[in-house]
mmCIF file of all heavy atoms, coordinates in Angstrom:
data_MODEL
# 
_entry.id   MODEL 
# 
loop_
_atom_site.group_PDB 
_atom_site.id 
_atom_site.type_symbol 
_atom_site.label_atom_id 
_atom_site.label_alt_id 
_atom_site.label_comp_id 
_atom_site.label_asym_id 
_atom_site.label_entity_id 
_atom_site.label_seq_id 
_atom_site.pdbx_PDB_ins_code 
_atom_site.Cartn_x 
_atom_site.Cartn_y 
_atom_site.Cartn_z 
_atom_site.occupancy 
_atom_site.B_iso_or_equiv 
_atom_site.pdbx_formal_charge 
_atom_site.auth_seq_id 
_atom_site.auth_comp_id 
_atom_site.auth_asym_id 
_atom_site.auth_atom_id 
_atom_site.pdbx_PDB_model_num 
ATOM 1   N N   . ALA A 1 1  ? 33.400 -350.696 -138.563 1.00 0.00 ? 1  ALA A N   1 
ATOM 2   C CA  . ALA A 1 1  ? 32.128 -350.715 -139.258 1.00 0.00 ? 1  ALA A CA  1 
ATOM 3   C C   . ALA A 1 1  ? 31.505 -349.338 -139.191 1.00 0.00 ? 1  ALA A C   1 
ATOM 4   O O   . ALA A 1 1  ? 30.786 -348.942 -140.087 1.00 0.00 ? 1  ALA A O   1 
ATOM 5   C CB  . ALA A 1 1  ? 31.274 -351.832 -138.677 1.00 0.00 ? 1  ALA A CB  1 
ATOM 6   N N   . ALA A 1 2  ? 31.598 -348.656 -137.941 1.00 0.00 ? 2  ALA A N   1 
ATOM 7   C CA  . ALA A 1 2  ? 30.865 -347.437 -137.846 1.00 0.00 ? 2  ALA A CA  1 
ATOM 8   C C   . ALA A 1 2  ? 31.511 -346.358 -138.807 1.00 0.00 ? 2  ALA A C   1 
ATOM 9   O O   . ALA A 1 2  ? 30.833 -345.536 -139.343 1.00 0.00 ? 2  ALA A O   1 
ATOM 10  C CB  . ALA A 1 2  ? 31.109 -346.901 -136.299 1.00 0.00 ? 2  ALA A CB  1 
ATOM 11  N N   . ILE A 1 3  ? 32.892 -346.420 -139.015 1.00 0.00 ? 3  ILE A N   1 
ATOM 12  C CA  . ILE A 1 3  ? 33.511 -345.549 -139.902 1.00 0.00 ? 3  ILE A CA  1 
ATOM 13  C C   . ILE A 1 3  ? 32.928 -345.868 -141.368 1.00 0.00 ? 3  ILE A C   1 
ATOM 14  O O   . ILE A 1 3  ? 32.776 -344.966 -142.094 1.00 0.00 ? 3  ILE A O   1 
ATOM 15  C CB  . ILE A 1 3  ? 35.129 -345.747 -139.929 1.00 0.00 ? 3  ILE A CB  1 
ATOM 16  C CG1 . ILE A 1 3  ? 35.578 -345.289 -138.494 1.00 0.00 ? 3  ILE A CG1 1 
ATOM 17  C CG2 . ILE A 1 3  ? 35.831 -344.958 -141.007 1.00 0.00 ? 3  ILE A CG2 1 
ATOM 18  C CD1 . ILE A 1 3  ? 36.990 -345.643 -138.215 1.00 0.00 ? 3  ILE A CD1 1 
ATOM 19  N N   . ALA A 1 4  ? 33.065 -347.049 -141.611 1.00 0.00 ? 4  ALA A N   1 
ATOM 20  C CA  . ALA A 1 4  ? 32.426 -347.455 -142.970 1.00 0.00 ? 4  ALA A CA  1 
ATOM 21  C C   . ALA A 1 4  ? 31.066 -347.032 -143.179 1.00 0.00 ? 4  ALA A C   1 
ATOM 22  O O   . ALA A 1 4  ? 30.639 -346.639 -144.270 1.00 0.00 ? 4  ALA A O   1 
ATOM 23  C CB  . ALA A 1 4  ? 32.519 -348.924 -143.209 1.00 0.00 ? 4  ALA A CB  1 
ATOM 24  N N   . ALA A 1 5  ? 30.324 -346.965 -142.139 1.00 0.00 ? 5  ALA A N   1 
ATOM 25  C CA  . ALA A 1 5  ? 28.834 -346.761 -142.286 1.00 0.00 ? 5  ALA A CA  1 
ATOM 26  C C   . ALA A 1 5  ? 28.739 -345.236 -142.532 1.00 0.00 ? 5  ALA A C   1 
ATOM 27  O O   . ALA A 1 5  ? 27.757 -344.714 -143.247 1.00 0.00 ? 5  ALA A O   1 
ATOM 28  C CB  . ALA A 1 5  ? 28.109 -347.177 -140.977 1.00 0.00 ? 5  ALA A CB  1 
ATOM 29  N N   . LEU A 1 6  ? 29.621 -344.374 -141.808 1.00 0.00 ? 6  LEU A N   1 
ATOM 30  C CA  . LEU A 1 6  ? 29.592 -343.008 -142.088 1.00 0.00 ? 6  LEU A CA  1 
ATOM 31  C C   . LEU A 1 6  ? 29.784 -342.594 -143.489 1.00 0.00 ? 6  LEU A C   1 
ATOM 32  O O   . LEU A 1 6  ? 29.330 -341.746 -144.177 1.00 0.00 ? 6  LEU A O   1 
ATOM 33  C CB  . LEU A 1 6  ? 30.507 -342.301 -141.125 1.00 0.00 ? 6  LEU A CB  1 
ATOM 34  C CG  . LEU A 1 6  ? 29.961 -342.276 -139.644 1.00 0.00 ? 6  LEU A CG  1 
ATOM 35  C CD1 . LEU A 1 6  ? 31.198 -341.854 -138.811 1.00 0.00 ? 6  LEU A CD1 1 
ATOM 36  C CD2 . LEU A 1 6  ? 28.928 -341.198 -139.605 1.00 0.00 ? 6  LEU A CD2 1 
ATOM 37  N N   . HIS A 1 7  ? 30.840 -343.325 -144.100 1.00 0.00 ? 7  HIS A N   1 
ATOM 38  C CA  . HIS A 1 7  ? 31.180 -343.203 -145.568 1.00 0.00 ? 7  HIS A CA  1 
ATOM 39  C C   . HIS A 1 7  ? 29.976 -343.445 -146.411 1.00 0.00 ? 7  HIS A C   1 
ATOM 40  O O   . HIS A 1 7  ? 29.586 -342.899 -147.334 1.00 0.00 ? 7  HIS A O   1 
ATOM 41  C CB  . HIS A 1 7  ? 32.345 -344.049 -145.917 1.00 0.00 ? 7  HIS A CB  1 
ATOM 42  C CG  . HIS A 1 7  ? 33.613 -343.464 -145.550 1.00 0.00 ? 7  HIS A CG  1 
ATOM 43  N ND1 . HIS A 1 7  ? 34.138 -342.213 -145.925 1.00 0.00 ? 7  HIS A ND1 1 
ATOM 44  C CD2 . HIS A 1 7  ? 34.600 -343.878 -144.652 1.00 0.00 ? 7  HIS A CD2 1 
ATOM 45  C CE1 . HIS A 1 7  ? 35.341 -342.006 -145.377 1.00 0.00 ? 7  HIS A CE1 1 
ATOM 46  N NE2 . HIS A 1 7  ? 35.636 -342.922 -144.603 1.00 0.00 ? 7  HIS A NE2 1 
ATOM 47  N N   . ALA A 1 8  ? 29.341 -344.630 -146.088 1.00 0.00 ? 8  ALA A N   1 
ATOM 48  C CA  . ALA A 1 8  ? 28.174 -345.120 -146.906 1.00 0.00 ? 8  ALA A CA  1 
ATOM 49  C C   . ALA A 1 8  ? 26.886 -344.253 -146.742 1.00 0.00 ? 8  ALA A C   1 
ATOM 50  O O   . ALA A 1 8  ? 26.164 -344.086 -147.613 1.00 0.00 ? 8  ALA A O   1 
ATOM 51  C CB  . ALA A 1 8  ? 27.758 -346.511 -146.413 1.00 0.00 ? 8  ALA A CB  1 
ATOM 52  N N   . ASP A 1 9  ? 26.863 -343.537 -145.575 1.00 0.00 ? 9  ASP A N   1 
ATOM 53  C CA  . ASP A 1 9  ? 25.685 -342.707 -145.329 1.00 0.00 ? 9  ASP A CA  1 
ATOM 54  C C   . ASP A 1 9  ? 25.703 -341.361 -146.044 1.00 0.00 ? 9  ASP A C   1 
ATOM 55  O O   . ASP A 1 9  ? 24.720 -340.670 -146.233 1.00 0.00 ? 9  ASP A O   1 
ATOM 56  C CB  . ASP A 1 9  ? 25.526 -342.412 -143.758 1.00 0.00 ? 9  ASP A CB  1 
ATOM 57  C CG  . ASP A 1 9  ? 24.244 -341.662 -143.512 1.00 0.00 ? 9  ASP A CG  1 
ATOM 58  O OD1 . ASP A 1 9  ? 23.204 -342.222 -143.946 1.00 0.00 ? 9  ASP A OD1 1 
ATOM 59  O OD2 . ASP A 1 9  ? 24.324 -340.671 -142.722 1.00 0.00 ? 9  ASP A OD2 1 
ATOM 60  N N   . ALA A 1 10 ? 26.950 -340.853 -146.493 1.00 0.00 ? 10 ALA A N   1 
ATOM 61  C CA  . ALA A 1 10 ? 27.085 -339.530 -147.044 1.00 0.00 ? 10 ALA A CA  1 
ATOM 62  C C   . ALA A 1 10 ? 26.597 -339.663 -148.578 1.00 0.00 ? 10 ALA A C   1 
ATOM 63  O O   . ALA A 1 10 ? 27.199 -340.408 -149.408 1.00 0.00 ? 10 ALA A O   1 
ATOM 64  C CB  . ALA A 1 10 ? 28.602 -339.236 -147.056 1.00 0.00 ? 10 ALA A CB  1 
ATOM 65  N N   . PRO A 1 11 ? 25.690 -338.825 -148.946 1.00 0.00 ? 11 PRO A N   1 
ATOM 66  C CA  . PRO A 1 11 ? 25.152 -338.794 -150.351 1.00 0.00 ? 11 PRO A CA  1 
ATOM 67  C C   . PRO A 1 11 ? 26.306 -338.409 -151.407 1.00 0.00 ? 11 PRO A C   1 
ATOM 68  O O   . PRO A 1 11 ? 26.357 -338.996 -152.437 1.00 0.00 ? 11 PRO A O   1 
ATOM 69  C CB  . PRO A 1 11 ? 24.111 -337.740 -150.336 1.00 0.00 ? 11 PRO A CB  1 
ATOM 70  C CG  . PRO A 1 11 ? 23.710 -337.638 -148.890 1.00 0.00 ? 11 PRO A CG  1 
ATOM 71  C CD  . PRO A 1 11 ? 25.029 -337.790 -148.111 1.00 0.00 ? 11 PRO A CD  1 
ATOM 72  N N   . THR A 1 12 ? 27.325 -337.553 -150.966 1.00 0.00 ? 12 THR A N   1 
ATOM 73  C CA  . THR A 1 12 ? 28.482 -337.117 -151.753 1.00 0.00 ? 12 THR A CA  1 
ATOM 74  C C   . THR A 1 12 ? 29.633 -337.122 -150.918 1.00 0.00 ? 12 THR A C   1 
ATOM 75  O O   . THR A 1 12 ? 29.549 -337.182 -149.686 1.00 0.00 ? 12 THR A O   1 
ATOM 76  C CB  . THR A 1 12 ? 28.198 -335.831 -152.456 1.00 0.00 ? 12 THR A CB  1 
ATOM 77  O OG1 . THR A 1 12 ? 28.294 -334.836 -151.365 1.00 0.00 ? 12 THR A OG1 1 
ATOM 78  C CG2 . THR A 1 12 ? 27.093 -335.758 -153.168 1.00 0.00 ? 12 THR A CG2 1 
ATOM 79  N N   . ALA A 1 13 ? 30.852 -337.319 -151.559 1.00 0.00 ? 13 ALA A N   1 
ATOM 80  C CA  . ALA A 1 13 ? 32.093 -337.149 -150.782 1.00 0.00 ? 13 ALA A CA  1 
ATOM 81  C C   . ALA A 1 13 ? 32.312 -336.037 -149.955 1.00 0.00 ? 13 ALA A C   1 
ATOM 82  O O   . ALA A 1 13 ? 32.670 -335.943 -148.784 1.00 0.00 ? 13 ALA A O   1 
ATOM 83  C CB  . ALA A 1 13 ? 33.334 -337.357 -151.686 1.00 0.00 ? 13 ALA A CB  1 
ATOM 84  N N   . GLU A 1 14 ? 31.690 -334.778 -150.506 1.00 0.00 ? 14 GLU A N   1 
ATOM 85  C CA  . GLU A 1 14 ? 31.784 -333.561 -149.819 1.00 0.00 ? 14 GLU A CA  1 
ATOM 86  C C   . GLU A 1 14 ? 30.874 -333.467 -148.511 1.00 0.00 ? 14 GLU A C   1 
ATOM 87  O O   . GLU A 1 14 ? 31.195 -332.775 -147.591 1.00 0.00 ? 14 GLU A O   1 
ATOM 88  C CB  . GLU A 1 14 ? 31.432 -332.363 -150.748 1.00 0.00 ? 14 GLU A CB  1 
ATOM 89  C CG  . GLU A 1 14 ? 32.344 -332.085 -151.989 1.00 0.00 ? 14 GLU A CG  1 
ATOM 90  C CD  . GLU A 1 14 ? 32.273 -333.286 -152.916 1.00 0.00 ? 14 GLU A CD  1 
ATOM 91  O OE1 . GLU A 1 14 ? 31.162 -334.024 -153.062 1.00 0.00 ? 14 GLU A OE1 1 
ATOM 92  O OE2 . GLU A 1 14 ? 33.233 -333.337 -153.758 1.00 0.00 ? 14 GLU A OE2 1 
ATOM 93  N N   . GLU A 1 15 ? 29.909 -334.436 -148.472 1.00 0.00 ? 15 GLU A N   1 
ATOM 94  C CA  . GLU A 1 15 ? 29.041 -334.347 -147.252 1.00 0.00 ? 15 GLU A CA  1 
ATOM 95  C C   . GLU A 1 15 ? 29.486 -335.368 -146.174 1.00 0.00 ? 15 GLU A C   1 
ATOM 96  O O   . GLU A 1 15 ? 28.663 -335.569 -145.290 1.00 0.00 ? 15 GLU A O   1 
ATOM 97  C CB  . GLU A 1 15 ? 27.623 -334.708 -147.848 1.00 0.00 ? 15 GLU A CB  1 
ATOM 98  C CG  . GLU A 1 15 ? 26.977 -333.645 -148.603 1.00 0.00 ? 15 GLU A CG  1 
ATOM 99  C CD  . GLU A 1 15 ? 25.737 -333.885 -149.201 1.00 0.00 ? 15 GLU A CD  1 
ATOM 100 O OE1 . GLU A 1 15 ? 24.693 -333.712 -148.571 1.00 0.00 ? 15 GLU A OE1 1 
ATOM 101 O OE2 . GLU A 1 15 ? 25.579 -334.504 -150.344 1.00 0.00 ? 15 GLU A OE2 1 
ATOM 102 N N   . THR A 1 16 ? 30.549 -336.000 -146.347 1.00 0.00 ? 16 THR A N   1 
ATOM 103 C CA  . THR A 1 16 ? 31.064 -336.961 -145.347 1.00 0.00 ? 16 THR A CA  1 
ATOM 104 C C   . THR A 1 16 ? 31.253 -336.276 -144.089 1.00 0.00 ? 16 THR A C   1 
ATOM 105 O O   . THR A 1 16 ? 31.851 -335.140 -144.008 1.00 0.00 ? 16 THR A O   1 
ATOM 106 C CB  . THR A 1 16 ? 32.387 -337.667 -145.885 1.00 0.00 ? 16 THR A CB  1 
ATOM 107 O OG1 . THR A 1 16 ? 32.170 -338.230 -147.123 1.00 0.00 ? 16 THR A OG1 1 
ATOM 108 C CG2 . THR A 1 16 ? 32.869 -338.761 -145.006 1.00 0.00 ? 16 THR A CG2 1 
ATOM 109 N N   . ASP A 1 17 ? 30.801 -336.894 -142.932 1.00 0.00 ? 17 ASP A N   1 
ATOM 110 C CA  . ASP A 1 17 ? 30.943 -336.357 -141.695 1.00 0.00 ? 17 ASP A CA  1 
ATOM 111 C C   . ASP A 1 17 ? 32.360 -336.738 -141.080 1.00 0.00 ? 17 ASP A C   1 
ATOM 112 O O   . ASP A 1 17 ? 32.524 -337.670 -140.366 1.00 0.00 ? 17 ASP A O   1 
ATOM 113 C CB  . ASP A 1 17 ? 29.893 -336.832 -140.751 1.00 0.00 ? 17 ASP A CB  1 
ATOM 114 C CG  . ASP A 1 17 ? 29.896 -336.207 -139.305 1.00 0.00 ? 17 ASP A CG  1 
ATOM 115 O OD1 . ASP A 1 17 ? 30.838 -335.557 -139.040 1.00 0.00 ? 17 ASP A OD1 1 
ATOM 116 O OD2 . ASP A 1 17 ? 28.872 -336.391 -138.663 1.00 0.00 ? 17 ASP A OD2 1 
ATOM 117 N N   . TRP A 1 18 ? 33.375 -335.913 -141.585 1.00 0.00 ? 18 TRP A N   1 
ATOM 118 C CA  . TRP A 1 18 ? 34.745 -336.266 -141.214 1.00 0.00 ? 18 TRP A CA  1 
ATOM 119 C C   . TRP A 1 18 ? 35.104 -336.086 -139.726 1.00 0.00 ? 18 TRP A C   1 
ATOM 120 O O   . TRP A 1 18 ? 35.820 -336.786 -139.095 1.00 0.00 ? 18 TRP A O   1 
ATOM 121 C CB  . TRP A 1 18 ? 35.732 -335.424 -142.055 1.00 0.00 ? 18 TRP A CB  1 
ATOM 122 C CG  . TRP A 1 18 ? 35.760 -336.057 -143.376 1.00 0.00 ? 18 TRP A CG  1 
ATOM 123 C CD1 . TRP A 1 18 ? 35.268 -335.354 -144.485 1.00 0.00 ? 18 TRP A CD1 1 
ATOM 124 C CD2 . TRP A 1 18 ? 36.423 -337.193 -143.919 1.00 0.00 ? 18 TRP A CD2 1 
ATOM 125 N NE1 . TRP A 1 18 ? 35.521 -336.162 -145.662 1.00 0.00 ? 18 TRP A NE1 1 
ATOM 126 C CE2 . TRP A 1 18 ? 36.287 -337.226 -145.249 1.00 0.00 ? 18 TRP A CE2 1 
ATOM 127 C CE3 . TRP A 1 18 ? 37.202 -338.103 -143.313 1.00 0.00 ? 18 TRP A CE3 1 
ATOM 128 C CZ2 . TRP A 1 18 ? 36.734 -338.278 -146.109 1.00 0.00 ? 18 TRP A CZ2 1 
ATOM 129 C CZ3 . TRP A 1 18 ? 37.748 -339.199 -143.965 1.00 0.00 ? 18 TRP A CZ3 1 
ATOM 130 C CH2 . TRP A 1 18 ? 37.471 -339.218 -145.365 1.00 0.00 ? 18 TRP A CH2 1 
ATOM 131 N N   . VAL A 1 19 ? 34.398 -335.195 -139.081 1.00 0.00 ? 19 VAL A N   1 
ATOM 132 C CA  . VAL A 1 19 ? 34.504 -334.942 -137.634 1.00 0.00 ? 19 VAL A CA  1 
ATOM 133 C C   . VAL A 1 19 ? 34.195 -336.176 -136.894 1.00 0.00 ? 19 VAL A C   1 
ATOM 134 O O   . VAL A 1 19 ? 34.905 -336.536 -135.955 1.00 0.00 ? 19 VAL A O   1 
ATOM 135 C CB  . VAL A 1 19 ? 33.762 -333.652 -137.190 1.00 0.00 ? 19 VAL A CB  1 
ATOM 136 C CG1 . VAL A 1 19 ? 33.828 -333.568 -135.609 1.00 0.00 ? 19 VAL A CG1 1 
ATOM 137 C CG2 . VAL A 1 19 ? 34.271 -332.332 -137.906 1.00 0.00 ? 19 VAL A CG2 1 
ATOM 138 N N   . GLN A 1 20 ? 33.155 -336.792 -137.178 1.00 0.00 ? 20 GLN A N   1 
ATOM 139 C CA  . GLN A 1 20 ? 32.566 -337.948 -136.526 1.00 0.00 ? 20 GLN A CA  1 
ATOM 140 C C   . GLN A 1 20 ? 33.540 -339.102 -136.890 1.00 0.00 ? 20 GLN A C   1 
ATOM 141 O O   . GLN A 1 20 ? 33.916 -340.011 -135.996 1.00 0.00 ? 20 GLN A O   1 
ATOM 142 C CB  . GLN A 1 20 ? 31.253 -338.187 -136.818 1.00 0.00 ? 20 GLN A CB  1 
ATOM 143 C CG  . GLN A 1 20 ? 30.673 -339.368 -135.926 1.00 0.00 ? 20 GLN A CG  1 
ATOM 144 C CD  . GLN A 1 20 ? 29.077 -339.456 -136.065 1.00 0.00 ? 20 GLN A CD  1 
ATOM 145 O OE1 . GLN A 1 20 ? 28.553 -340.425 -135.489 1.00 0.00 ? 20 GLN A OE1 1 
ATOM 146 N NE2 . GLN A 1 20 ? 28.509 -338.673 -136.786 1.00 0.00 ? 20 GLN A NE2 1 
ATOM 147 N N   . ILE A 1 21 ? 34.066 -339.223 -138.039 1.00 0.00 ? 21 ILE A N   1 
ATOM 148 C CA  . ILE A 1 21 ? 34.991 -340.257 -138.469 1.00 0.00 ? 21 ILE A CA  1 
ATOM 149 C C   . ILE A 1 21 ? 36.263 -340.176 -137.677 1.00 0.00 ? 21 ILE A C   1 
ATOM 150 O O   . ILE A 1 21 ? 36.765 -341.190 -137.078 1.00 0.00 ? 21 ILE A O   1 
ATOM 151 C CB  . ILE A 1 21 ? 35.247 -340.168 -139.882 1.00 0.00 ? 21 ILE A CB  1 
ATOM 152 C CG1 . ILE A 1 21 ? 33.981 -340.638 -140.710 1.00 0.00 ? 21 ILE A CG1 1 
ATOM 153 C CG2 . ILE A 1 21 ? 36.553 -340.992 -140.304 1.00 0.00 ? 21 ILE A CG2 1 
ATOM 154 C CD1 . ILE A 1 21 ? 34.221 -340.591 -142.265 1.00 0.00 ? 21 ILE A CD1 1 
ATOM 155 N N   . VAL A 1 22 ? 36.835 -338.961 -137.342 1.00 0.00 ? 22 VAL A N   1 
ATOM 156 C CA  . VAL A 1 22 ? 37.926 -338.785 -136.540 1.00 0.00 ? 22 VAL A CA  1 
ATOM 157 C C   . VAL A 1 22 ? 37.716 -339.284 -135.103 1.00 0.00 ? 22 VAL A C   1 
ATOM 158 O O   . VAL A 1 22 ? 38.623 -339.898 -134.578 1.00 0.00 ? 22 VAL A O   1 
ATOM 159 C CB  . VAL A 1 22 ? 38.393 -337.360 -136.597 1.00 0.00 ? 22 VAL A CB  1 
ATOM 160 C CG1 . VAL A 1 22 ? 39.491 -337.090 -135.437 1.00 0.00 ? 22 VAL A CG1 1 
ATOM 161 C CG2 . VAL A 1 22 ? 38.899 -336.806 -137.824 1.00 0.00 ? 22 VAL A CG2 1 
ATOM 162 N N   . GLU A 1 23 ? 36.488 -339.035 -134.633 1.00 0.00 ? 23 GLU A N   1 
ATOM 163 C CA  . GLU A 1 23 ? 36.185 -339.481 -133.257 1.00 0.00 ? 23 GLU A CA  1 
ATOM 164 C C   . GLU A 1 23 ? 36.191 -341.029 -133.211 1.00 0.00 ? 23 GLU A C   1 
ATOM 165 O O   . GLU A 1 23 ? 36.533 -341.595 -132.255 1.00 0.00 ? 23 GLU A O   1 
ATOM 166 C CB  . GLU A 1 23 ? 34.796 -338.937 -132.897 1.00 0.00 ? 23 GLU A CB  1 
ATOM 167 C CG  . GLU A 1 23 ? 34.821 -337.424 -132.749 1.00 0.00 ? 23 GLU A CG  1 
ATOM 168 C CD  . GLU A 1 23 ? 33.418 -336.809 -132.468 1.00 0.00 ? 23 GLU A CD  1 
ATOM 169 O OE1 . GLU A 1 23 ? 32.421 -337.658 -132.516 1.00 0.00 ? 23 GLU A OE1 1 
ATOM 170 O OE2 . GLU A 1 23 ? 33.246 -335.666 -132.176 1.00 0.00 ? 23 GLU A OE2 1 
ATOM 171 N N   . TRP A 1 24 ? 35.682 -341.709 -134.299 1.00 0.00 ? 24 TRP A N   1 
ATOM 172 C CA  . TRP A 1 24 ? 35.695 -343.083 -134.319 1.00 0.00 ? 24 TRP A CA  1 
ATOM 173 C C   . TRP A 1 24 ? 37.134 -343.617 -134.417 1.00 0.00 ? 24 TRP A C   1 
ATOM 174 O O   . TRP A 1 24 ? 37.395 -344.663 -133.818 1.00 0.00 ? 24 TRP A O   1 
ATOM 175 C CB  . TRP A 1 24 ? 34.730 -343.686 -135.326 1.00 0.00 ? 24 TRP A CB  1 
ATOM 176 C CG  . TRP A 1 24 ? 33.373 -343.803 -134.943 1.00 0.00 ? 24 TRP A CG  1 
ATOM 177 C CD1 . TRP A 1 24 ? 32.228 -343.020 -135.462 1.00 0.00 ? 24 TRP A CD1 1 
ATOM 178 C CD2 . TRP A 1 24 ? 32.686 -344.657 -134.032 1.00 0.00 ? 24 TRP A CD2 1 
ATOM 179 N NE1 . TRP A 1 24 ? 31.092 -343.465 -134.820 1.00 0.00 ? 24 TRP A NE1 1 
ATOM 180 C CE2 . TRP A 1 24 ? 31.345 -344.454 -133.977 1.00 0.00 ? 24 TRP A CE2 1 
ATOM 181 C CE3 . TRP A 1 24 ? 33.404 -345.707 -133.226 1.00 0.00 ? 24 TRP A CE3 1 
ATOM 182 C CZ2 . TRP A 1 24 ? 30.400 -345.237 -133.105 1.00 0.00 ? 24 TRP A CZ2 1 
ATOM 183 C CZ3 . TRP A 1 24 ? 32.523 -346.491 -132.415 1.00 0.00 ? 24 TRP A CZ3 1 
ATOM 184 C CH2 . TRP A 1 24 ? 31.069 -346.233 -132.394 1.00 0.00 ? 24 TRP A CH2 1 
ATOM 185 N N   . TYR A 1 25 ? 37.877 -342.952 -135.243 1.00 0.00 ? 25 TYR A N   1 
ATOM 186 C CA  . TYR A 1 25 ? 39.248 -343.304 -135.204 1.00 0.00 ? 25 TYR A CA  1 
ATOM 187 C C   . TYR A 1 25 ? 40.068 -343.275 -134.006 1.00 0.00 ? 25 TYR A C   1 
ATOM 188 O O   . TYR A 1 25 ? 40.763 -344.041 -133.576 1.00 0.00 ? 25 TYR A O   1 
ATOM 189 C CB  . TYR A 1 25 ? 40.070 -342.582 -136.360 1.00 0.00 ? 25 TYR A CB  1 
ATOM 190 C CG  . TYR A 1 25 ? 40.039 -343.262 -137.690 1.00 0.00 ? 25 TYR A CG  1 
ATOM 191 C CD1 . TYR A 1 25 ? 39.421 -342.529 -138.800 1.00 0.00 ? 25 TYR A CD1 1 
ATOM 192 C CD2 . TYR A 1 25 ? 40.522 -344.500 -137.968 1.00 0.00 ? 25 TYR A CD2 1 
ATOM 193 C CE1 . TYR A 1 25 ? 39.395 -343.100 -140.074 1.00 0.00 ? 25 TYR A CE1 1 
ATOM 194 C CE2 . TYR A 1 25 ? 40.499 -345.198 -139.121 1.00 0.00 ? 25 TYR A CE2 1 
ATOM 195 C CZ  . TYR A 1 25 ? 39.950 -344.378 -140.197 1.00 0.00 ? 25 TYR A CZ  1 
ATOM 196 O OH  . TYR A 1 25 ? 39.874 -344.947 -141.464 1.00 0.00 ? 25 TYR A OH  1 
ATOM 197 N N   . ASP A 1 26 ? 39.696 -342.232 -133.076 1.00 0.00 ? 26 ASP A N   1 
ATOM 198 C CA  . ASP A 1 26 ? 40.200 -342.156 -131.862 1.00 0.00 ? 26 ASP A CA  1 
ATOM 199 C C   . ASP A 1 26 ? 39.678 -343.280 -131.035 1.00 0.00 ? 26 ASP A C   1 
ATOM 200 O O   . ASP A 1 26 ? 40.596 -343.873 -130.162 1.00 0.00 ? 26 ASP A O   1 
ATOM 201 C CB  . ASP A 1 26 ? 39.575 -340.803 -131.057 1.00 0.00 ? 26 ASP A CB  1 
ATOM 202 C CG  . ASP A 1 26 ? 40.322 -339.566 -131.735 1.00 0.00 ? 26 ASP A CG  1 
ATOM 203 O OD1 . ASP A 1 26 ? 41.359 -339.718 -132.380 1.00 0.00 ? 26 ASP A OD1 1 
ATOM 204 O OD2 . ASP A 1 26 ? 39.749 -338.375 -131.641 1.00 0.00 ? 26 ASP A OD2 1 
ATOM 205 N N   . GLU A 1 27 ? 38.434 -343.654 -131.025 1.00 0.00 ? 27 GLU A N   1 
ATOM 206 C CA  . GLU A 1 27 ? 37.943 -344.980 -130.353 1.00 0.00 ? 27 GLU A CA  1 
ATOM 207 C C   . GLU A 1 27 ? 38.803 -346.122 -130.815 1.00 0.00 ? 27 GLU A C   1 
ATOM 208 O O   . GLU A 1 27 ? 39.245 -346.917 -129.832 1.00 0.00 ? 27 GLU A O   1 
ATOM 209 C CB  . GLU A 1 27 ? 36.482 -345.155 -130.617 1.00 0.00 ? 27 GLU A CB  1 
ATOM 210 C CG  . GLU A 1 27 ? 35.540 -343.967 -130.000 1.00 0.00 ? 27 GLU A CG  1 
ATOM 211 C CD  . GLU A 1 27 ? 35.318 -344.306 -128.543 1.00 0.00 ? 27 GLU A CD  1 
ATOM 212 O OE1 . GLU A 1 27 ? 35.899 -345.308 -128.004 1.00 0.00 ? 27 GLU A OE1 1 
ATOM 213 O OE2 . GLU A 1 27 ? 34.545 -343.541 -128.048 1.00 0.00 ? 27 GLU A OE2 1 
ATOM 214 N N   . LEU A 1 28 ? 39.016 -346.279 -132.149 1.00 0.00 ? 28 LEU A N   1 
ATOM 215 C CA  . LEU A 1 28 ? 39.702 -347.493 -132.652 1.00 0.00 ? 28 LEU A CA  1 
ATOM 216 C C   . LEU A 1 28 ? 41.229 -347.473 -132.221 1.00 0.00 ? 28 LEU A C   1 
ATOM 217 O O   . LEU A 1 28 ? 41.671 -348.516 -131.952 1.00 0.00 ? 28 LEU A O   1 
ATOM 218 C CB  . LEU A 1 28 ? 39.503 -347.459 -134.148 1.00 0.00 ? 28 LEU A CB  1 
ATOM 219 C CG  . LEU A 1 28 ? 39.950 -348.654 -135.054 1.00 0.00 ? 28 LEU A CG  1 
ATOM 220 C CD1 . LEU A 1 28 ? 39.398 -349.900 -134.458 1.00 0.00 ? 28 LEU A CD1 1 
ATOM 221 C CD2 . LEU A 1 28 ? 39.707 -348.358 -136.518 1.00 0.00 ? 28 LEU A CD2 1 
ATOM 222 N N   . ALA A 1 29 ? 41.826 -346.305 -132.165 1.00 0.00 ? 29 ALA A N   1 
ATOM 223 C CA  . ALA A 1 29 ? 43.183 -346.287 -131.811 1.00 0.00 ? 29 ALA A CA  1 
ATOM 224 C C   . ALA A 1 29 ? 43.314 -346.708 -130.428 1.00 0.00 ? 29 ALA A C   1 
ATOM 225 O O   . ALA A 1 29 ? 44.200 -347.350 -129.951 1.00 0.00 ? 29 ALA A O   1 
ATOM 226 C CB  . ALA A 1 29 ? 43.799 -344.863 -132.106 1.00 0.00 ? 29 ALA A CB  1 
# 
């Protein structure tokens, strides 16, 4: 859900916080 929230929070695709998404994927893995 945290990953989905980061996607939802980005006004555009280019503004997505991919660094934080990778960190959440590390937690999930």
